PDB file of N, CA and C in Angstrom:
ATOM      1  N   MET A   1      27.218 -32.835   7.422  1.00  0.00           N
ATOM      2  CA  MET A   1      27.133 -32.292   8.749  1.00  0.00           C
ATOM      3  C   MET A   1      26.716 -33.393   9.714  1.00  0.00           C
ATOM      4  N   THR A   2      27.252 -33.246  10.855  1.00  0.00           N
ATOM      5  CA  THR A   2      26.906 -34.234  11.873  1.00  0.00           C
ATOM      6  C   THR A   2      25.664 -33.768  12.600  1.00  0.00           C
ATOM      7  N   GLU A   3      25.213 -34.679  13.437  1.00  0.00           N
ATOM      8  CA  GLU A   3      24.019 -34.382  14.220  1.00  0.00           C
ATOM      9  C   GLU A   3      24.224 -33.148  15.069  1.00  0.00           C
ATOM     10  N   ASP A   4      25.353 -32.998  15.695  1.00  0.00           N
ATOM     11  CA  ASP A   4      25.635 -31.830  16.550  1.00  0.00           C
ATOM     12  C   ASP A   4      25.668 -30.550  15.736  1.00  0.00           C
ATOM     13  N   GLN A   5      26.165 -30.605  14.541  1.00  0.00           N
ATOM     14  CA  GLN A   5      26.227 -29.420  13.702  1.00  0.00           C
ATOM     15  C   GLN A   5      24.823 -29.020  13.218  1.00  0.00           C
ATOM     16  N   ASN A   6      23.939 -29.966  13.034  1.00  0.00           N
ATOM     17  CA  ASN A   6      22.565 -29.693  12.613  1.00  0.00           C
ATOM     18  C   ASN A   6      21.712 -29.191  13.782  1.00  0.00           C
ATOM     19  N   ARG A   7      22.158 -29.507  14.949  1.00  0.00           N
ATOM     20  CA  ARG A   7      21.378 -29.180  16.145  1.00  0.00           C
ATOM     21  C   ARG A   7      21.208 -27.664  16.330  1.00  0.00           C
ATOM     22  N   ILE A   8      22.268 -26.905  16.161  1.00  0.00           N
ATOM     23  CA  ILE A   8      22.214 -25.446  16.361  1.00  0.00           C
ATOM     24  C   ILE A   8      21.330 -24.788  15.309  1.00  0.00           C
ATOM     25  N   PRO A   9      21.487 -25.060  14.016  1.00  0.00           N
ATOM     26  CA  PRO A   9      20.571 -24.445  13.040  1.00  0.00           C
ATOM     27  C   PRO A   9      19.114 -24.856  13.283  1.00  0.00           C
ATOM     28  N   ARG A  10      18.892 -26.132  13.702  1.00  0.00           N
ATOM     29  CA  ARG A  10      17.551 -26.579  13.996  1.00  0.00           C
ATOM     30  C   ARG A  10      16.979 -25.801  15.172  1.00  0.00           C
ATOM     31  N   MET A  11      17.771 -25.590  16.195  1.00  0.00           N
ATOM     32  CA  MET A  11      17.343 -24.807  17.357  1.00  0.00           C
ATOM     33  C   MET A  11      17.075 -23.359  16.966  1.00  0.00           C
ATOM     34  N   GLU A  12      17.927 -22.813  16.089  1.00  0.00           N
ATOM     35  CA  GLU A  12      17.710 -21.442  15.622  1.00  0.00           C
ATOM     36  C   GLU A  12      16.398 -21.353  14.833  1.00  0.00           C
ATOM     37  N   ASN A  13      16.140 -22.337  13.992  1.00  0.00           N
ATOM     38  CA  ASN A  13      14.885 -22.363  13.223  1.00  0.00           C
ATOM     39  C   ASN A  13      13.681 -22.494  14.145  1.00  0.00           C
ATOM     40  N   GLN A  14      13.803 -23.334  15.158  1.00  0.00           N
ATOM     41  CA  GLN A  14      12.725 -23.496  16.117  1.00  0.00           C
ATOM     42  C   GLN A  14      12.490 -22.196  16.889  1.00  0.00           C
ATOM     43  N   LEU A  15      13.599 -21.522  17.238  1.00  0.00           N
ATOM     44  CA  LEU A  15      13.484 -20.245  17.952  1.00  0.00           C
ATOM     45  C   LEU A  15      12.794 -19.208  17.071  1.00  0.00           C
ATOM     46  N   ILE A  16      13.141 -19.168  15.800  1.00  0.00           N
ATOM     47  CA  ILE A  16      12.489 -18.241  14.862  1.00  0.00           C
ATOM     48  C   ILE A  16      11.012 -18.584  14.748  1.00  0.00           C
ATOM     49  N   ASP A  17      10.690 -19.881  14.632  1.00  0.00           N
ATOM     50  CA  ASP A  17       9.292 -20.307  14.542  1.00  0.00           C
ATOM     51  C   ASP A  17       8.523 -19.910  15.796  1.00  0.00           C
ATOM     52  N   MET A  18       9.162 -20.108  16.952  1.00  0.00           N
ATOM     53  CA  MET A  18       8.495 -19.746  18.207  1.00  0.00           C
ATOM     54  C   MET A  18       8.277 -18.245  18.294  1.00  0.00           C
ATOM     55  N   ARG A  19       9.261 -17.458  17.855  1.00  0.00           N
ATOM     56  CA  ARG A  19       9.091 -15.996  17.865  1.00  0.00           C
ATOM     57  C   ARG A  19       7.956 -15.573  16.939  1.00  0.00           C
ATOM     58  N   LEU A  20       7.880 -16.196  15.760  1.00  0.00           N
ATOM     59  CA  LEU A  20       6.799 -15.890  14.834  1.00  0.00           C
ATOM     60  C   LEU A  20       5.446 -16.293  15.437  1.00  0.00           C
ATOM     61  N   ALA A  21       5.403 -17.446  16.095  1.00  0.00           N
ATOM     62  CA  ALA A  21       4.158 -17.901  16.711  1.00  0.00           C
ATOM     63  C   ALA A  21       3.741 -16.958  17.838  1.00  0.00           C
ATOM     64  N   VAL A  22       4.708 -16.542  18.663  1.00  0.00           N
ATOM     65  CA  VAL A  22       4.410 -15.605  19.757  1.00  0.00           C
ATOM     66  C   VAL A  22       3.943 -14.280  19.181  1.00  0.00           C
ATOM     67  N   SER A  23       4.588 -13.818  18.124  1.00  0.00           N
ATOM     68  CA  SER A  23       4.183 -12.566  17.485  1.00  0.00           C
ATOM     69  C   SER A  23       2.763 -12.677  16.945  1.00  0.00           C
ATOM     70  N   ALA A  24       2.436 -13.792  16.323  1.00  0.00           N
ATOM     71  CA  ALA A  24       1.085 -13.996  15.797  1.00  0.00           C
ATOM     72  C   ALA A  24       0.079 -14.051  16.943  1.00  0.00           C
ATOM     73  N   LEU A  25       0.441 -14.714  18.040  1.00  0.00           N
ATOM     74  CA  LEU A  25      -0.434 -14.767  19.208  1.00  0.00           C
ATOM     75  C   LEU A  25      -0.668 -13.383  19.790  1.00  0.00           C
ATOM     76  N   LEU A  26       0.394 -12.591  19.878  1.00  0.00           N
ATOM     77  CA  LEU A  26       0.252 -11.229  20.409  1.00  0.00           C
ATOM     78  C   LEU A  26      -0.658 -10.394  19.510  1.00  0.00           C
ATOM     79  N   GLU A  27      -0.521 -10.565  18.204  1.00  0.00           N
ATOM     80  CA  GLU A  27      -1.387  -9.830  17.273  1.00  0.00           C
ATOM     81  C   GLU A  27      -2.837 -10.286  17.443  1.00  0.00           C
ATOM     82  N   THR A  28      -3.032 -11.578  17.621  1.00  0.00           N
ATOM     83  CA  THR A  28      -4.380 -12.119  17.841  1.00  0.00           C
ATOM     84  C   THR A  28      -4.961 -11.573  19.147  1.00  0.00           C
ATOM     85  N   VAL A  29      -4.158 -11.561  20.196  1.00  0.00           N
ATOM     86  CA  VAL A  29      -4.611 -11.026  21.486  1.00  0.00           C
ATOM     87  C   VAL A  29      -4.972  -9.556  21.347  1.00  0.00           C
ATOM     88  N   THR A  30      -4.149  -8.794  20.639  1.00  0.00           N
ATOM     89  CA  THR A  30      -4.415  -7.370  20.431  1.00  0.00           C
ATOM     90  C   THR A  30      -5.726  -7.169  19.680  1.00  0.00           C
ATOM     91  N   GLN A  31      -5.954  -7.975  18.641  1.00  0.00           N
ATOM     92  CA  GLN A  31      -7.196  -7.867  17.875  1.00  0.00           C
ATOM     93  C   GLN A  31      -8.407  -8.233  18.736  1.00  0.00           C
ATOM     94  N   HIS A  32      -8.254  -9.290  19.522  1.00  0.00           N
ATOM     95  CA  HIS A  32      -9.348  -9.679  20.415  1.00  0.00           C
ATOM     96  C   HIS A  32      -9.627  -8.583  21.441  1.00  0.00           C
ATOM     97  N   GLN A  33      -8.585  -7.968  21.946  1.00  0.00           N
ATOM     98  CA  GLN A  33      -8.766  -6.883  22.922  1.00  0.00           C
ATOM     99  C   GLN A  33      -9.530  -5.723  22.286  1.00  0.00           C
ATOM    100  N   ARG A  34      -9.161  -5.379  21.050  1.00  0.00           N
ATOM    101  CA  ARG A  34      -9.887  -4.321  20.341  1.00  0.00           C
ATOM    102  C   ARG A  34     -11.348  -4.704  20.156  1.00  0.00           C
ATOM    103  N   ASN A  35     -11.580  -5.953  19.779  1.00  0.00           N
ATOM    104  CA  ASN A  35     -12.964  -6.425  19.588  1.00  0.00           C
ATOM    105  C   ASN A  35     -13.742  -6.343  20.898  1.00  0.00           C
ATOM    106  N   PHE A  36     -13.126  -6.777  21.990  1.00  0.00           N
ATOM    107  CA  PHE A  36     -13.809  -6.709  23.282  1.00  0.00           C
ATOM    108  C   PHE A  36     -14.112  -5.268  23.675  1.00  0.00           C
ATOM    109  N   GLU A  37     -13.184  -4.363  23.412  1.00  0.00           N
ATOM    110  CA  GLU A  37     -13.424  -2.952  23.732  1.00  0.00           C
ATOM    111  C   GLU A  37     -14.567  -2.398  22.896  1.00  0.00           C
ATOM    112  N   THR A  38     -14.618  -2.782  21.623  1.00  0.00           N
ATOM    113  CA  THR A  38     -15.713  -2.351  20.756  1.00  0.00           C
ATOM    114  C   THR A  38     -17.041  -2.912  21.255  1.00  0.00           C
ATOM    115  N   ILE A  39     -17.029  -4.193  21.606  1.00  0.00           N
ATOM    116  CA  ILE A  39     -18.245  -4.821  22.134  1.00  0.00           C
ATOM    117  C   ILE A  39     -18.685  -4.123  23.413  1.00  0.00           C
ATOM    118  N   GLN A  40     -17.730  -3.801  24.272  1.00  0.00           N
ATOM    119  CA  GLN A  40     -18.064  -3.123  25.530  1.00  0.00           C
ATOM    120  C   GLN A  40     -18.691  -1.757  25.269  1.00  0.00           C
ATOM    121  N   ARG A  41     -18.107  -0.989  24.343  1.00  0.00           N
ATOM    122  CA  ARG A  41     -18.671   0.322  24.008  1.00  0.00           C
ATOM    123  C   ARG A  41     -20.084   0.173  23.442  1.00  0.00           C
ATOM    124  N   ASN A  42     -20.254  -0.804  22.547  1.00  0.00           N
ATOM    125  CA  ASN A  42     -21.581  -1.038  21.970  1.00  0.00           C
ATOM    126  C   ASN A  42     -22.584  -1.432  23.048  1.00  0.00           C
ATOM    127  N   PHE A  43     -22.153  -2.277  23.967  1.00  0.00           N
ATOM    128  CA  PHE A  43     -23.022  -2.717  25.053  1.00  0.00           C
ATOM    129  C   PHE A  43     -23.410  -1.532  25.931  1.00  0.00           C
ATOM    130  N   GLU A  44     -22.445  -0.681  26.252  1.00  0.00           N
ATOM    131  CA  GLU A  44     -22.740   0.511  27.066  1.00  0.00           C
ATOM    132  C   GLU A  44     -23.712   1.440  26.339  1.00  0.00           C
ATOM    133  N   THR A  45     -23.541   1.569  25.028  1.00  0.00           N
ATOM    134  CA  THR A  45     -24.458   2.392  24.234  1.00  0.00           C
ATOM    135  C   THR A  45     -25.862   1.803  24.268  1.00  0.00           C
ATOM    136  N   ILE A  46     -25.949   0.493  24.116  1.00  0.00           N
ATOM    137  CA  ILE A  46     -27.254  -0.174  24.149  1.00  0.00           C
ATOM    138  C   ILE A  46     -27.914   0.027  25.509  1.00  0.00           C
ATOM    139  N   ILE A  47     -27.140  -0.114  26.579  1.00  0.00           N
ATOM    140  CA  ILE A  47     -27.701   0.073  27.925  1.00  0.00           C
ATOM    141  C   ILE A  47     -28.210   1.500  28.088  1.00  0.00           C
ATOM    142  N   THR A  48     -27.435   2.468  27.640  1.00  0.00           N
ATOM    143  CA  THR A  48     -27.861   3.867  27.731  1.00  0.00           C
ATOM    144  C   THR A  48     -29.147   4.086  26.942  1.00  0.00           C
ATOM    145  N   GLU A  49     -29.207   3.545  25.726  1.00  0.00           N
ATOM    146  CA  GLU A  49     -30.412   3.704  24.902  1.00  0.00           C
ATOM    147  C   GLU A  49     -31.614   3.007  25.533  1.00  0.00           C
ATOM    148  N   MET A  50     -31.385   1.856  26.152  1.00  0.00           N
ATOM    149  CA  MET A  50     -32.489   1.158  26.820  1.00  0.00           C
ATOM    150  C   MET A  50     -33.007   1.975  28.000  1.00  0.00           C
ATOM    151  N   ARG A  51     -32.104   2.589  28.739  1.00  0.00           N
ATOM    152  CA  ARG A  51     -32.536   3.433  29.861  1.00  0.00           C
ATOM    153  C   ARG A  51     -33.348   4.619  29.351  1.00  0.00           C
ATOM    154  N   GLU A  52     -32.905   5.207  28.250  1.00  0.00           N
ATOM    155  CA  GLU A  52     -33.655   6.320  27.660  1.00  0.00           C
ATOM    156  C   GLU A  52     -35.028   5.844  27.187  1.00  0.00           C
ATOM    157  N   MET A  53     -35.079   4.646  26.609  1.00  0.00           N
ATOM    158  CA  MET A  53     -36.355   4.099  26.165  1.00  0.00           C
ATOM    159  C   MET A  53     -37.284   3.844  27.349  1.00  0.00           C
ATOM    160  N   GLN A  54     -36.719   3.358  28.455  1.00  0.00           N
ATOM    161  CA  GLN A  54     -37.542   3.140  29.646  1.00  0.00           C
ATOM    162  C   GLN A  54     -38.138   4.455  30.130  1.00  0.00           C
ATOM    163  N   THR A  55     -37.323   5.504  30.114  1.00  0.00           N
ATOM    164  CA  THR A  55     -37.819   6.827  30.514  1.00  0.00           C
ATOM    165  C   THR A  55     -38.908   7.283  29.556  1.00  0.00           C
ATOM    166  N   ASP A  56     -38.680   7.103  28.259  1.00  0.00           N
ATOM    167  CA  ASP A  56     -39.678   7.482  27.264  1.00  0.00           C
ATOM    168  C   ASP A  56     -40.981   6.705  27.471  1.00  0.00           C
ATOM    169  N   ILE A  57     -40.856   5.414  27.743  1.00  0.00           N
ATOM    170  CA  ILE A  57     -42.048   4.586  27.961  1.00  0.00           C
ATOM    171  C   ILE A  57     -42.796   5.061  29.197  1.00  0.00           C
ATOM    172  N   ARG A  58     -42.066   5.386  30.267  1.00  0.00           N
ATOM    173  CA  ARG A  58     -42.726   5.909  31.467  1.00  0.00           C
ATOM    174  C   ARG A  58     -43.466   7.200  31.149  1.00  0.00           C
ATOM    175  N   ASP A  59     -42.821   8.079  30.378  1.00  0.00           N
ATOM    176  CA  ASP A  59     -43.459   9.339  29.996  1.00  0.00           C
ATOM    177  C   ASP A  59     -44.719   9.084  29.163  1.00  0.00           C
ATOM    178  N   ILE A  60     -44.624   8.154  28.229  1.00  0.00           N
ATOM    179  CA  ILE A  60     -45.770   7.837  27.380  1.00  0.00           C
ATOM    180  C   ILE A  60     -46.910   7.278  28.225  1.00  0.00           C
ATOM    181  N   ARG A  61     -46.560   6.404  29.167  1.00  0.00           N
ATOM    182  CA  ARG A  61     -47.609   5.835  30.033  1.00  0.00           C
ATOM    183  C   ARG A  61     -48.278   6.929  30.867  1.00  0.00           C
ATOM    184  N   THR A  62     -47.469   7.864  31.367  1.00  0.00           N
ATOM    185  CA  THR A  62     -48.032   8.978  32.134  1.00  0.00           C
ATOM    186  C   THR A  62     -48.962   9.804  31.245  1.00  0.00           C
ATOM    187  N   ASP A  63     -48.506  10.105  30.027  1.00  0.00           N
ATOM    188  CA  ASP A  63     -49.338  10.857  29.088  1.00  0.00           C
ATOM    189  C   ASP A  63     -50.640  10.111  28.783  1.00  0.00           C
ATOM    190  N   MET A  64     -50.530   8.789  28.615  1.00  0.00           N
ATOM    191  CA  MET A  64     -51.725   7.997  28.317  1.00  0.00           C
ATOM    192  C   MET A  64     -52.706   8.022  29.490  1.00  0.00           C
ATOM    193  N   ARG A  65     -52.182   7.961  30.700  1.00  0.00           N
ATOM    194  CA  ARG A  65     -53.072   8.039  31.870  1.00  0.00           C
ATOM    195  C   ARG A  65     -53.791   9.384  31.913  1.00  0.00           C
ATOM    196  N   GLU A  66     -53.047  10.451  31.631  1.00  0.00           N
ATOM    197  CA  GLU A  66     -53.654  11.782  31.618  1.00  0.00           C
ATOM    198  C   GLU A  66     -54.711  11.877  30.520  1.00  0.00           C
ATOM    199  N   MET A  67     -54.393  11.331  29.344  1.00  0.00           N
ATOM    200  CA  MET A  67     -55.355  11.364  28.242  1.00  0.00           C
ATOM    201  C   MET A  67     -56.599  10.555  28.598  1.00  0.00           C
ATOM    202  N   ARG A  68     -56.405   9.418  29.235  1.00  0.00           N
ATOM    203  CA  ARG A  68     -57.556   8.601  29.646  1.00  0.00           C
ATOM    204  C   ARG A  68     -58.418   9.371  30.641  1.00  0.00           C
ATOM    205  N   SER A  69     -57.768  10.036  31.575  1.00  0.00           N
ATOM    206  CA  SER A  69     -58.510  10.836  32.551  1.00  0.00           C
ATOM    207  C   SER A  69     -59.293  11.941  31.845  1.00  0.00           C
ATOM    208  N   ASP A  70     -58.638  12.610  30.889  1.00  0.00           N
ATOM    209  CA  ASP A  70     -59.317  13.658  30.122  1.00  0.00           C
ATOM    210  C   ASP A  70     -60.495  13.083  29.338  1.00  0.00           C
ATOM    211  N   MET A  71     -60.289  11.903  28.733  1.00  0.00           N
ATOM    212  CA  MET A  71     -61.367  11.274  27.958  1.00  0.00           C
ATOM    213  C   MET A  71     -62.548  10.925  28.856  1.00  0.00           C
ATOM    214  N   LEU A  72     -62.256  10.390  30.036  1.00  0.00           N
ATOM    215  CA  LEU A  72     -63.348  10.051  30.956  1.00  0.00           C
ATOM    216  C   LEU A  72     -64.121  11.299  31.365  1.00  0.00           C
ATOM    217  N   GLN A  73     -63.382  12.388  31.582  1.00  0.00           N
ATOM    218  CA  GLN A  73     -64.044  13.646  31.940  1.00  0.00           C
ATOM    219  C   GLN A  73     -64.898  14.129  30.773  1.00  0.00           C
ATOM    220  N   MET A  74     -64.363  14.059  29.553  1.00  0.00           N
ATOM    221  CA  MET A  74     -65.134  14.484  28.378  1.00  0.00           C
ATOM    222  C   MET A  74     -66.358  13.616  28.188  1.00  0.00           C
ATOM    223  N   GLN A  75     -66.207  12.286  28.395  1.00  0.00           N
ATOM    224  CA  GLN A  75     -67.364  11.395  28.273  1.00  0.00           C
ATOM    225  C   GLN A  75     -68.449  11.788  29.266  1.00  0.00           C
ATOM    226  N   SER A  76     -68.027  12.101  30.466  1.00  0.00           N
ATOM    227  CA  SER A  76     -68.986  12.513  31.482  1.00  0.00           C
ATOM    228  C   SER A  76     -69.692  13.803  31.066  1.00  0.00           C
ATOM    229  N   GLU A  77     -68.914  14.759  30.532  1.00  0.00           N
ATOM    230  CA  GLU A  77     -69.502  16.021  30.082  1.00  0.00           C
ATOM    231  C   GLU A  77     -70.456  15.794  28.918  1.00  0.00           C
ATOM    232  N   VAL A  78     -70.084  14.907  27.987  1.00  0.00           N
ATOM    233  CA  VAL A  78     -70.943  14.616  26.837  1.00  0.00           C
ATOM    234  C   VAL A  78     -72.238  13.976  27.320  1.00  0.00           C
ATOM    235  N   ARG A  79     -72.141  13.035  28.259  1.00  0.00           N
ATOM    236  CA  ARG A  79     -73.355  12.416  28.802  1.00  0.00           C
ATOM    237  C   ARG A  79     -74.254  13.474  29.443  1.00  0.00           C
ATOM    238  N   GLY A  80     -73.609  14.396  30.171  1.00  0.00           N
ATOM    239  CA  GLY A  80     -74.381  15.480  30.778  1.00  0.00           C
ATOM    240  C   GLY A  80     -75.079  16.322  29.731  1.00  0.00           C
ATOM    241  N   LEU A  81     -74.358  16.647  28.651  1.00  0.00           N
ATOM    242  CA  LEU A  81     -74.959  17.425  27.560  1.00  0.00           C
ATOM    243  C   LEU A  81     -76.082  16.645  26.888  1.00  0.00           C
ATOM    244  N   GLN A  82     -75.885  15.331  26.698  1.00  0.00           N
ATOM    245  CA  GLN A  82     -76.933  14.522  26.089  1.00  0.00           C
ATOM    246  C   GLN A  82     -78.179  14.521  26.975  1.00  0.00           C
ATOM    247  N   THR A  83     -77.973  14.375  28.259  1.00  0.00           N
ATOM    248  CA  THR A  83     -79.106  14.400  29.189  1.00  0.00           C
ATOM    249  C   THR A  83     -79.814  15.742  29.125  1.00  0.00           C
ATOM    250  N   GLU A  84     -79.036  16.797  29.124  1.00  0.00           N
ATOM    251  CA  GLU A  84     -79.614  18.146  29.046  1.00  0.00           C
ATOM    252  C   GLU A  84     -80.363  18.334  27.728  1.00  0.00           C
ATOM    253  N   ASN A  85     -79.777  17.860  26.624  1.00  0.00           N
ATOM    254  CA  ASN A  85     -80.443  17.967  25.322  1.00  0.00           C
ATOM    255  C   ASN A  85     -81.763  17.204  25.308  1.00  0.00           C
ATOM    256  N   ARG A  86     -81.771  15.988  25.889  1.00  0.00           N
ATOM    257  CA  ARG A  86     -83.014  15.214  25.965  1.00  0.00           C
ATOM    258  C   ARG A  86     -84.066  15.953  26.776  1.00  0.00           C
ATOM    259  N   ARG A  87     -83.639  16.544  27.877  1.00  0.00           N
ATOM    260  CA  ARG A  87     -84.565  17.295  28.731  1.00  0.00           C
ATOM    261  C   ARG A  87     -85.159  18.465  27.953  1.00  0.00           C
ATOM    262  N   ILE A  88     -84.283  19.190  27.237  1.00  0.00           N
ATOM    263  CA  ILE A  88     -84.754  20.331  26.439  1.00  0.00           C
ATOM    264  C   ILE A  88     -85.712  19.855  25.348  1.00  0.00           C
ATOM    265  N   LEU A  89     -85.358  18.763  24.683  1.00  0.00           N
ATOM    266  CA  LEU A  89     -86.238  18.223  23.641  1.00  0.00           C
ATOM    267  C   LEU A  89     -87.589  17.823  24.218  1.00  0.00           C
ATOM    268  N   ASP A  90     -87.554  17.168  25.378  1.00  0.00           N
ATOM    269  CA  ASP A  90     -88.812  16.780  26.024  1.00  0.00           C
ATOM    270  C   ASP A  90     -89.663  18.014  26.312  1.00  0.00           C
ATOM    271  N   ILE A  91     -89.026  19.055  26.821  1.00  0.00           N
ATOM    272  CA  ILE A  91     -89.760  20.298  27.123  1.00  0.00           C
ATOM    273  C   ILE A  91     -90.344  20.884  25.855  1.00  0.00           C
ATOM    274  N   LEU A  92     -89.513  20.976  24.784  1.00  0.00           N
ATOM    275  CA  LEU A  92     -89.983  21.537  23.520  1.00  0.00           C
ATOM    276  C   LEU A  92     -91.110  20.692  22.918  1.00  0.00           C
ATOM    277  N   GLN A  93     -90.988  19.379  22.983  1.00  0.00           N
ATOM    278  CA  GLN A  93     -92.036  18.524  22.421  1.00  0.00           C
ATOM    279  C   GLN A  93     -93.315  18.642  23.224  1.00  0.00           C
ATOM    280  N   ASN A  94     -93.218  18.770  24.522  1.00  0.00           N
ATOM    281  CA  ASN A  94     -94.423  18.953  25.340  1.00  0.00           C
ATOM    282  C   ASN A  94     -95.088  20.275  25.028  1.00  0.00           C
ATOM    283  N   ARG A  95     -94.318  21.291  24.778  1.00  0.00           N
ATOM    284  CA  ARG A  95     -94.885  22.600  24.404  1.00  0.00           C
ATOM    285  C   ARG A  95     -95.590  22.503  23.087  1.00  0.00           C
ATOM    286  N   ASN A  96     -94.951  21.826  22.125  1.00  0.00           N
ATOM    287  CA  ASN A  96     -95.569  21.667  20.800  1.00  0.00           C
ATOM    288  C   ASN A  96     -96.888  20.922  20.904  1.00  0.00           C
ATOM    289  N   THR A  97     -96.938  19.910  21.740  1.00  0.00           N
ATOM    290  CA  THR A  97     -98.198  19.186  21.873  1.00  0.00           C
ATOM    291  C   THR A  97     -99.231  20.018  22.614  1.00  0.00           C
ATOM    292  N   ASP A  98     -98.792  20.905  23.523  1.00  0.00           N
ATOM    293  CA  ASP A  98     -99.720  21.771  24.234  1.00  0.00           C
ATOM    294  C   ASP A  98    -100.322  22.805  23.287  1.00  0.00           C
ATOM    295  N   ASP A  99     -99.488  23.307  22.343  1.00  0.00           N
ATOM    296  CA  ASP A  99     -99.946  24.323  21.397  1.00  0.00           C
ATOM    297  C   ASP A  99    -100.978  23.751  20.430  1.00  0.00           C
ATOM    298  N   GLU A 100    -100.873  22.457  20.154  1.00  0.00           N
ATOM    299  CA  GLU A 100    -101.761  21.870  19.150  1.00  0.00           C
ATOM    300  C   GLU A 100    -103.082  21.613  19.697  1.00  0.00           C
TER     301      GLU A 100
END
């Protein structure tokens, strides 16, 4: 075969190779697109969960503030009871010493 006769089969082979390469590229692009869509969905899920966590944290902080307020009130009441108990004890001890 002459050079001209080899030229057409060579061009046909190159065209087939190019079609296969383009097909492989399209498959790669399709796979990457699927991966990006999956990543996007995962990212959106993470953002939603983070927002829910922020809300939960705010709620917990509010609950903790309320509990702290309740604890401070209870501490104050306990101190009052302790003072009252000391006063009662002082009165009772003074009576006991008066009786003796």
